[in-house]
Amino acid sequence: MPTTVWPACDEPVGFRAVPDVSEWIERLEHENEQLRYALESRPVIDLARGALMAAFGCPAEDAWEILVEVSQNSNVKLRVVADVVTAAVTGPEPLPPDLQNPLQAAVERWRSREHEPGAGG
């Protein structure tokens, strides 16, 4: 795949040339914002993964897949799912009903895969 070069400095910038500096700066600011959000979200997601690993005895990768499945099936952002799971484990509030069913279904699917012939669990 050919790399496009920014004409002003002959450095690769992606798949197409950026027509002006302001657009390039805007893209970098957007990327920076996304990376900052990811860094802030990661600890909460890791805590929720740990909670699922402890509660269900699943490996880290499977806990991740369970969280992603719950997020997709409930149409709730992954970070929000992780916040709610962590809060339910650490606080007095139970998991909200709108996330209980997706979580239960995801865990049941994981457990059924673990018992399939040739499964690693």
C-alpha atoms as a PDB file:
ATOM      1  CA  MET A   1       0.000   0.000   0.000  1.00  0.00           C
ATOM      2  CA  PRO A   2       1.592   3.324  -0.972  1.00  0.00           C
ATOM      3  CA  THR A   3       2.305   5.823   1.765  1.00  0.00           C
ATOM      4  CA  THR A   4       1.293   9.386   1.076  1.00  0.00           C
ATOM      5  CA  VAL A   5       3.843  12.059   1.848  1.00  0.00           C
ATOM      6  CA  TRP A   6       3.118  15.503   3.205  1.00  0.00           C
ATOM      7  CA  PRO A   7       4.528  17.739   0.492  1.00  0.00           C
ATOM      8  CA  ALA A   8       5.908  20.329   2.940  1.00  0.00           C
ATOM      9  CA  CYS A   9       8.289  17.978   4.752  1.00  0.00           C
ATOM     10  CA  ASP A  10       8.338  14.670   2.857  1.00  0.00           C
ATOM     11  CA  GLU A  11       7.176  12.681   5.930  1.00  0.00           C
ATOM     12  CA  PRO A  12       4.559   9.911   5.760  1.00  0.00           C
ATOM     13  CA  VAL A  13       1.212  10.996   7.196  1.00  0.00           C
ATOM     14  CA  GLY A  14      -1.202   8.214   6.238  1.00  0.00           C
ATOM     15  CA  PHE A  15      -3.188   7.207   3.235  1.00  0.00           C
ATOM     16  CA  ARG A  16      -3.677  10.627   1.680  1.00  0.00           C
ATOM     17  CA  ALA A  17      -2.010  13.995   1.827  1.00  0.00           C
ATOM     18  CA  VAL A  18      -3.339  16.518   4.321  1.00  0.00           C
ATOM     19  CA  PRO A  19      -4.301  19.645   2.378  1.00  0.00           C
ATOM     20  CA  ASP A  20      -3.503  22.136   5.155  1.00  0.00           C
ATOM     21  CA  VAL A  21      -1.952  22.325   8.607  1.00  0.00           C
ATOM     22  CA  SER A  22      -5.227  23.111  10.390  1.00  0.00           C
ATOM     23  CA  GLU A  23      -6.807  19.860   9.181  1.00  0.00           C
ATOM     24  CA  TRP A  24      -3.710  17.939  10.254  1.00  0.00           C
ATOM     25  CA  ILE A  25      -3.796  19.566  13.720  1.00  0.00           C
ATOM     26  CA  GLU A  26      -7.508  18.788  14.030  1.00  0.00           C
ATOM     27  CA  ARG A  27      -6.855  15.121  13.244  1.00  0.00           C
ATOM     28  CA  LEU A  28      -4.038  14.953  15.793  1.00  0.00           C
ATOM     29  CA  GLU A  29      -6.202  16.594  18.467  1.00  0.00           C
ATOM     30  CA  HIS A  30      -8.987  14.093  17.769  1.00  0.00           C
ATOM     31  CA  GLU A  31      -6.561  11.170  17.966  1.00  0.00           C
ATOM     32  CA  ASN A  32      -5.083  12.571  21.172  1.00  0.00           C
ATOM     33  CA  GLU A  33      -8.577  12.822  22.691  1.00  0.00           C
ATOM     34  CA  GLN A  34      -9.339   9.212  21.754  1.00  0.00           C
ATOM     35  CA  LEU A  35      -6.051   8.000  23.259  1.00  0.00           C
ATOM     36  CA  ARG A  36      -6.662   9.962  26.466  1.00  0.00           C
ATOM     37  CA  TYR A  37     -10.130   8.421  26.787  1.00  0.00           C
ATOM     38  CA  ALA A  38      -8.684   4.940  26.233  1.00  0.00           C
ATOM     39  CA  LEU A  39      -6.049   5.495  28.916  1.00  0.00           C
ATOM     40  CA  GLU A  40      -8.684   6.704  31.375  1.00  0.00           C
ATOM     41  CA  SER A  41     -11.003   3.789  30.559  1.00  0.00           C
ATOM     42  CA  ARG A  42      -8.428   1.032  30.824  1.00  0.00           C
ATOM     43  CA  PRO A  43      -8.179   0.774  34.641  1.00  0.00           C
ATOM     44  CA  VAL A  44     -11.962   0.506  35.034  1.00  0.00           C
ATOM     45  CA  ILE A  45     -12.154  -2.136  32.328  1.00  0.00           C
ATOM     46  CA  ASP A  46      -9.288  -4.074  33.908  1.00  0.00           C
ATOM     47  CA  LEU A  47     -11.027  -3.984  37.312  1.00  0.00           C
ATOM     48  CA  ALA A  48     -14.223  -5.331  35.744  1.00  0.00           C
ATOM     49  CA  ARG A  49     -12.231  -8.076  33.992  1.00  0.00           C
ATOM     50  CA  GLY A  50     -10.690  -9.003  37.337  1.00  0.00           C
ATOM     51  CA  ALA A  51     -14.118  -9.121  38.959  1.00  0.00           C
ATOM     52  CA  LEU A  52     -15.407 -11.466  36.261  1.00  0.00           C
ATOM     53  CA  MET A  53     -12.298 -13.620  36.503  1.00  0.00           C
ATOM     54  CA  ALA A  54     -12.770 -13.941  40.279  1.00  0.00           C
ATOM     55  CA  ALA A  55     -16.517 -14.493  40.113  1.00  0.00           C
ATOM     56  CA  PHE A  56     -16.605 -17.020  37.290  1.00  0.00           C
ATOM     57  CA  GLY A  57     -13.083 -18.441  37.191  1.00  0.00           C
ATOM     58  CA  CYS A  58     -12.492 -17.372  33.615  1.00  0.00           C
ATOM     59  CA  PRO A  59      -9.189 -16.302  32.048  1.00  0.00           C
ATOM     60  CA  ALA A  60      -8.496 -12.619  31.317  1.00  0.00           C
ATOM     61  CA  GLU A  61      -9.192 -12.918  27.573  1.00  0.00           C
ATOM     62  CA  ASP A  62     -12.538 -14.593  28.192  1.00  0.00           C
ATOM     63  CA  ALA A  63     -13.477 -11.923  30.760  1.00  0.00           C
ATOM     64  CA  TRP A  64     -12.713  -9.316  28.082  1.00  0.00           C
ATOM     65  CA  GLU A  65     -14.908 -11.139  25.574  1.00  0.00           C
ATOM     66  CA  ILE A  66     -17.744 -11.339  28.120  1.00  0.00           C
ATOM     67  CA  LEU A  67     -17.571  -7.574  28.731  1.00  0.00           C
ATOM     68  CA  VAL A  68     -17.534  -6.851  25.008  1.00  0.00           C
ATOM     69  CA  GLU A  69     -20.494  -9.165  24.417  1.00  0.00           C
ATOM     70  CA  VAL A  70     -22.495  -7.527  27.215  1.00  0.00           C
ATOM     71  CA  SER A  71     -21.679  -4.112  25.790  1.00  0.00           C
ATOM     72  CA  GLN A  72     -22.742  -5.081  22.282  1.00  0.00           C
ATOM     73  CA  ASN A  73     -25.897  -6.944  23.303  1.00  0.00           C
ATOM     74  CA  SER A  74     -27.085  -4.225  25.677  1.00  0.00           C
ATOM     75  CA  ASN A  75     -26.021  -1.321  23.431  1.00  0.00           C
ATOM     76  CA  VAL A  76     -24.080   0.205  26.327  1.00  0.00           C
ATOM     77  CA  LYS A  77     -20.523   1.489  25.967  1.00  0.00           C
ATOM     78  CA  LEU A  78     -17.861  -0.896  27.224  1.00  0.00           C
ATOM     79  CA  ARG A  79     -16.563   1.599  29.793  1.00  0.00           C
ATOM     80  CA  VAL A  80     -20.076   2.047  31.220  1.00  0.00           C
ATOM     81  CA  VAL A  81     -20.533  -1.727  31.460  1.00  0.00           C
ATOM     82  CA  ALA A  82     -17.178  -1.959  33.239  1.00  0.00           C
ATOM     83  CA  ASP A  83     -18.140   0.864  35.628  1.00  0.00           C
ATOM     84  CA  VAL A  84     -21.418  -0.844  36.490  1.00  0.00           C
ATOM     85  CA  VAL A  85     -19.837  -4.275  36.968  1.00  0.00           C
ATOM     86  CA  THR A  86     -17.119  -2.788  39.200  1.00  0.00           C
ATOM     87  CA  ALA A  87     -19.670  -0.787  41.213  1.00  0.00           C
ATOM     88  CA  ALA A  88     -21.843  -3.887  41.686  1.00  0.00           C
ATOM     89  CA  VAL A  89     -18.853  -5.805  43.040  1.00  0.00           C
ATOM     90  CA  THR A  90     -17.511  -3.055  45.298  1.00  0.00           C
ATOM     91  CA  GLY A  91     -20.684  -1.335  46.455  1.00  0.00           C
ATOM     92  CA  PRO A  92     -24.138  -1.998  47.825  1.00  0.00           C
ATOM     93  CA  GLU A  93     -25.945  -1.583  44.499  1.00  0.00           C
ATOM     94  CA  PRO A  94     -26.609  -4.746  42.464  1.00  0.00           C
ATOM     95  CA  LEU A  95     -26.108  -4.950  38.734  1.00  0.00           C
ATOM     96  CA  PRO A  96     -28.967  -3.096  37.003  1.00  0.00           C
ATOM     97  CA  PRO A  97     -31.634  -5.378  35.507  1.00  0.00           C
ATOM     98  CA  ASP A  98     -30.932  -4.146  31.955  1.00  0.00           C
ATOM     99  CA  LEU A  99     -27.384  -5.549  32.242  1.00  0.00           C
ATOM    100  CA  GLN A 100     -28.147  -8.655  34.330  1.00  0.00           C
ATOM    101  CA  ASN A 101     -29.624 -10.632  31.436  1.00  0.00           C
ATOM    102  CA  PRO A 102     -26.887  -9.790  28.902  1.00  0.00           C
ATOM    103  CA  LEU A 103     -24.206 -10.644  31.488  1.00  0.00           C
ATOM    104  CA  GLN A 104     -25.891 -13.901  32.436  1.00  0.00           C
ATOM    105  CA  ALA A 105     -26.270 -14.859  28.764  1.00  0.00           C
ATOM    106  CA  ALA A 106     -22.623 -14.018  28.001  1.00  0.00           C
ATOM    107  CA  VAL A 107     -21.380 -16.072  30.957  1.00  0.00           C
ATOM    108  CA  GLU A 108     -23.614 -18.998  29.986  1.00  0.00           C
ATOM    109  CA  ARG A 109     -22.259 -18.885  26.423  1.00  0.00           C
ATOM    110  CA  TRP A 110     -18.689 -18.806  27.796  1.00  0.00           C
ATOM    111  CA  ARG A 111     -19.430 -21.776  30.078  1.00  0.00           C
ATOM    112  CA  SER A 112     -20.944 -23.761  27.221  1.00  0.00           C
ATOM    113  CA  ARG A 113     -17.865 -23.104  25.057  1.00  0.00           C
ATOM    114  CA  GLU A 114     -15.634 -24.273  27.919  1.00  0.00           C
ATOM    115  CA  HIS A 115     -17.413 -27.631  27.922  1.00  0.00           C
ATOM    116  CA  GLU A 116     -17.193 -28.194  24.174  1.00  0.00           C
ATOM    117  CA  PRO A 117     -14.886 -30.990  23.030  1.00  0.00           C
ATOM    118  CA  GLY A 118     -11.401 -29.607  22.467  1.00  0.00           C
ATOM    119  CA  ALA A 119     -12.026 -26.504  24.588  1.00  0.00           C
ATOM    120  CA  GLY A 120      -9.066 -25.301  26.586  1.00  0.00           C
ATOM    121  CA  GLY A 121     -10.870 -24.945  29.947  1.00  0.00           C
END
